[in-house]
């Protein structure tokens, strides 16, 4: 039986943690001058993935432990 391949696009966007997955939030690419410092600061870092999306990401990343 052939091995399951990791979806390379998903591997770049999601990180597996002990309790689920994390992802980078949006709204950090352009038009940052009109946003307040507080808004930009809150967009930093990785956020937990919604539980409904986790089922799909598990299929895309079989055994991925990055």
N, C-alpha and C. Protein backbone atom coordinates (compact mmCIF):
# COMPACT_ATOMS: atom_id res chain seq x y z
N UNK A 1 0.85 -1.19 0.00
CA UNK A 1 0.00 0.00 0.00
C UNK A 1 0.89 1.25 0.00
N UNK A 2 0.64 2.21 -0.89
CA UNK A 2 1.48 3.40 -0.93
C UNK A 2 1.27 4.28 0.30
N UNK A 3 2.33 4.96 0.63
CA UNK A 3 2.24 5.82 1.82
C UNK A 3 1.39 7.06 1.52
N UNK A 4 0.81 7.64 2.55
CA UNK A 4 0.03 8.85 2.38
C UNK A 4 0.97 10.04 2.29
N UNK A 5 0.75 10.89 1.32
CA UNK A 5 1.60 12.05 1.15
C UNK A 5 1.02 13.24 1.91
N UNK A 6 1.93 14.06 2.42
CA UNK A 6 1.55 15.29 3.09
C UNK A 6 1.20 16.34 2.06
N UNK A 7 0.13 17.08 2.27
CA UNK A 7 -0.25 18.18 1.40
C UNK A 7 0.72 19.33 1.67
N UNK A 8 1.55 19.67 0.70
CA UNK A 8 2.63 20.62 0.95
C UNK A 8 2.11 22.02 1.25
N UNK A 9 0.98 22.40 0.65
CA UNK A 9 0.42 23.72 0.94
C UNK A 9 -0.08 23.81 2.37
N UNK A 10 -0.69 22.74 2.85
CA UNK A 10 -1.18 22.73 4.23
C UNK A 10 -0.03 22.66 5.22
N UNK A 11 1.05 21.98 4.84
CA UNK A 11 2.20 21.86 5.74
C UNK A 11 2.84 23.21 6.01
N UNK A 12 2.73 24.13 5.05
CA UNK A 12 3.30 25.46 5.23
C UNK A 12 2.41 26.35 6.10
N UNK A 13 1.13 26.01 6.21
CA UNK A 13 0.19 26.90 6.88
C UNK A 13 -0.22 26.46 8.28
N UNK A 14 -0.05 25.19 8.60
CA UNK A 14 -0.53 24.68 9.89
C UNK A 14 0.60 24.00 10.63
N UNK A 15 0.56 24.11 11.96
CA UNK A 15 1.52 23.43 12.83
C UNK A 15 0.74 22.55 13.78
N UNK A 16 1.19 21.32 13.94
CA UNK A 16 0.53 20.41 14.87
C UNK A 16 1.04 20.68 16.28
N UNK A 17 0.14 20.72 17.25
CA UNK A 17 0.49 20.85 18.65
C UNK A 17 -0.02 19.61 19.37
N UNK A 18 0.22 19.54 20.66
CA UNK A 18 -0.22 18.36 21.41
C UNK A 18 -1.74 18.28 21.47
N UNK A 19 -2.41 19.42 21.42
CA UNK A 19 -3.86 19.41 21.56
C UNK A 19 -4.61 19.62 20.24
N UNK A 20 -3.90 19.92 19.15
CA UNK A 20 -4.58 20.16 17.88
C UNK A 20 -3.65 20.81 16.88
N UNK A 21 -4.12 21.88 16.23
CA UNK A 21 -3.33 22.59 15.23
C UNK A 21 -3.36 24.08 15.50
N UNK A 22 -2.32 24.78 14.99
CA UNK A 22 -2.27 26.23 15.06
C UNK A 22 -2.07 26.77 13.65
N UNK A 23 -2.48 28.02 13.44
CA UNK A 23 -2.30 28.65 12.14
C UNK A 23 -2.03 30.14 12.34
N UNK A 24 -1.48 30.76 11.32
CA UNK A 24 -1.22 32.19 11.36
C UNK A 24 -2.48 32.93 10.95
N UNK A 25 -2.86 33.95 11.70
CA UNK A 25 -4.05 34.72 11.38
C UNK A 25 -3.82 35.60 10.16
N UNK A 26 -4.90 36.10 9.60
CA UNK A 26 -4.81 36.95 8.43
C UNK A 26 -4.68 38.41 8.79
N UNK A 27 -4.89 39.27 7.80
CA UNK A 27 -4.92 40.73 7.97
C UNK A 27 -3.56 41.30 8.34
N UNK A 28 -2.45 40.70 7.82
CA UNK A 28 -1.13 41.23 8.15
C UNK A 28 -0.29 41.49 6.90
N UNK A 29 -0.92 41.68 5.75
CA UNK A 29 -0.16 41.80 4.52
C UNK A 29 -0.06 43.23 3.99
N UNK A 30 -1.16 43.97 3.97
CA UNK A 30 -1.11 45.32 3.44
C UNK A 30 -2.16 46.16 4.14
N UNK A 31 -2.16 47.46 3.85
CA UNK A 31 -3.04 48.43 4.50
C UNK A 31 -2.84 48.46 6.01
N UNK A 32 -1.61 48.27 6.45
CA UNK A 32 -1.33 48.25 7.88
C UNK A 32 -1.24 49.66 8.47
N UNK A 33 -1.06 50.66 7.63
CA UNK A 33 -0.91 52.02 8.15
C UNK A 33 -2.22 52.54 8.72
N UNK A 34 -3.33 52.04 8.24
CA UNK A 34 -4.61 52.52 8.77
C UNK A 34 -5.05 51.78 10.02
N UNK A 35 -4.37 50.68 10.36
CA UNK A 35 -4.74 49.92 11.55
C UNK A 35 -3.99 50.44 12.77
N UNK A 36 -4.62 50.33 13.91
CA UNK A 36 -3.98 50.79 15.14
C UNK A 36 -2.90 49.79 15.56
N UNK A 37 -2.01 50.26 16.43
CA UNK A 37 -0.95 49.39 16.93
C UNK A 37 -1.54 48.20 17.66
N UNK A 38 -2.62 48.42 18.35
CA UNK A 38 -3.27 47.33 19.10
C UNK A 38 -3.79 46.25 18.16
N UNK A 39 -4.42 46.66 17.06
CA UNK A 39 -4.93 45.68 16.10
C UNK A 39 -3.79 44.85 15.51
N UNK A 40 -2.69 45.54 15.16
CA UNK A 40 -1.57 44.83 14.55
C UNK A 40 -0.91 43.88 15.55
N UNK A 41 -0.83 44.29 16.79
CA UNK A 41 -0.22 43.46 17.82
C UNK A 41 -1.05 42.20 18.07
N UNK A 42 -2.37 42.33 18.03
CA UNK A 42 -3.23 41.19 18.29
C UNK A 42 -3.23 40.18 17.15
N UNK A 43 -2.75 40.59 15.98
CA UNK A 43 -2.67 39.67 14.83
C UNK A 43 -1.40 38.84 14.83
N UNK A 44 -0.48 39.12 15.75
CA UNK A 44 0.78 38.39 15.78
C UNK A 44 0.60 36.97 16.27
N UNK A 45 1.57 36.15 15.98
CA UNK A 45 1.62 34.81 16.55
C UNK A 45 0.69 33.83 15.87
N UNK A 46 0.59 32.65 16.46
CA UNK A 46 -0.23 31.57 15.93
C UNK A 46 -1.50 31.43 16.75
N UNK A 47 -2.60 31.14 16.09
CA UNK A 47 -3.88 30.99 16.76
C UNK A 47 -4.35 29.55 16.63
N UNK A 48 -5.13 29.06 17.59
CA UNK A 48 -5.63 27.69 17.48
C UNK A 48 -6.63 27.56 16.33
N UNK A 49 -6.64 26.42 15.71
CA UNK A 49 -7.52 26.15 14.59
C UNK A 49 -8.91 25.81 15.12
N UNK A 50 -9.95 26.23 14.40
CA UNK A 50 -11.32 25.91 14.80
C UNK A 50 -11.52 24.40 14.74
N UNK A 51 -12.33 23.89 15.66
CA UNK A 51 -12.50 22.44 15.77
C UNK A 51 -13.13 21.84 14.52
N UNK A 52 -13.99 22.59 13.83
CA UNK A 52 -14.61 22.08 12.62
C UNK A 52 -13.62 21.93 11.48
N UNK A 53 -12.60 22.78 11.43
CA UNK A 53 -11.59 22.71 10.38
C UNK A 53 -10.54 21.64 10.67
N UNK A 54 -10.46 21.23 11.90
CA UNK A 54 -9.41 20.29 12.29
C UNK A 54 -9.56 18.94 11.58
N UNK A 55 -10.80 18.54 11.31
CA UNK A 55 -11.04 17.27 10.62
C UNK A 55 -10.42 17.30 9.23
N UNK A 56 -10.56 18.42 8.52
CA UNK A 56 -10.00 18.54 7.18
C UNK A 56 -8.47 18.57 7.21
N UNK A 57 -7.91 19.29 8.18
CA UNK A 57 -6.46 19.42 8.25
C UNK A 57 -5.81 18.09 8.61
N UNK A 58 -6.46 17.29 9.41
CA UNK A 58 -5.92 15.98 9.76
C UNK A 58 -5.78 15.09 8.53
N UNK A 59 -6.70 15.23 7.58
CA UNK A 59 -6.61 14.45 6.35
C UNK A 59 -5.45 14.94 5.47
N UNK A 60 -5.22 16.26 5.49
CA UNK A 60 -4.16 16.82 4.66
C UNK A 60 -2.78 16.56 5.24
N UNK A 61 -2.69 16.41 6.56
CA UNK A 61 -1.41 16.23 7.22
C UNK A 61 -1.39 14.92 7.99
N UNK A 62 -1.29 13.79 7.34
CA UNK A 62 -1.27 12.52 8.05
C UNK A 62 0.10 12.31 8.71
N UNK A 63 0.12 12.26 10.01
CA UNK A 63 1.36 11.99 10.72
C UNK A 63 2.35 13.13 10.71
N UNK A 64 1.93 14.31 10.34
CA UNK A 64 2.84 15.45 10.28
C UNK A 64 3.04 16.00 11.68
N UNK A 65 4.27 16.01 12.16
CA UNK A 65 4.55 16.53 13.50
C UNK A 65 5.67 17.54 13.39
N UNK A 66 5.38 18.71 12.88
CA UNK A 66 6.39 19.73 12.64
C UNK A 66 6.58 20.58 13.86
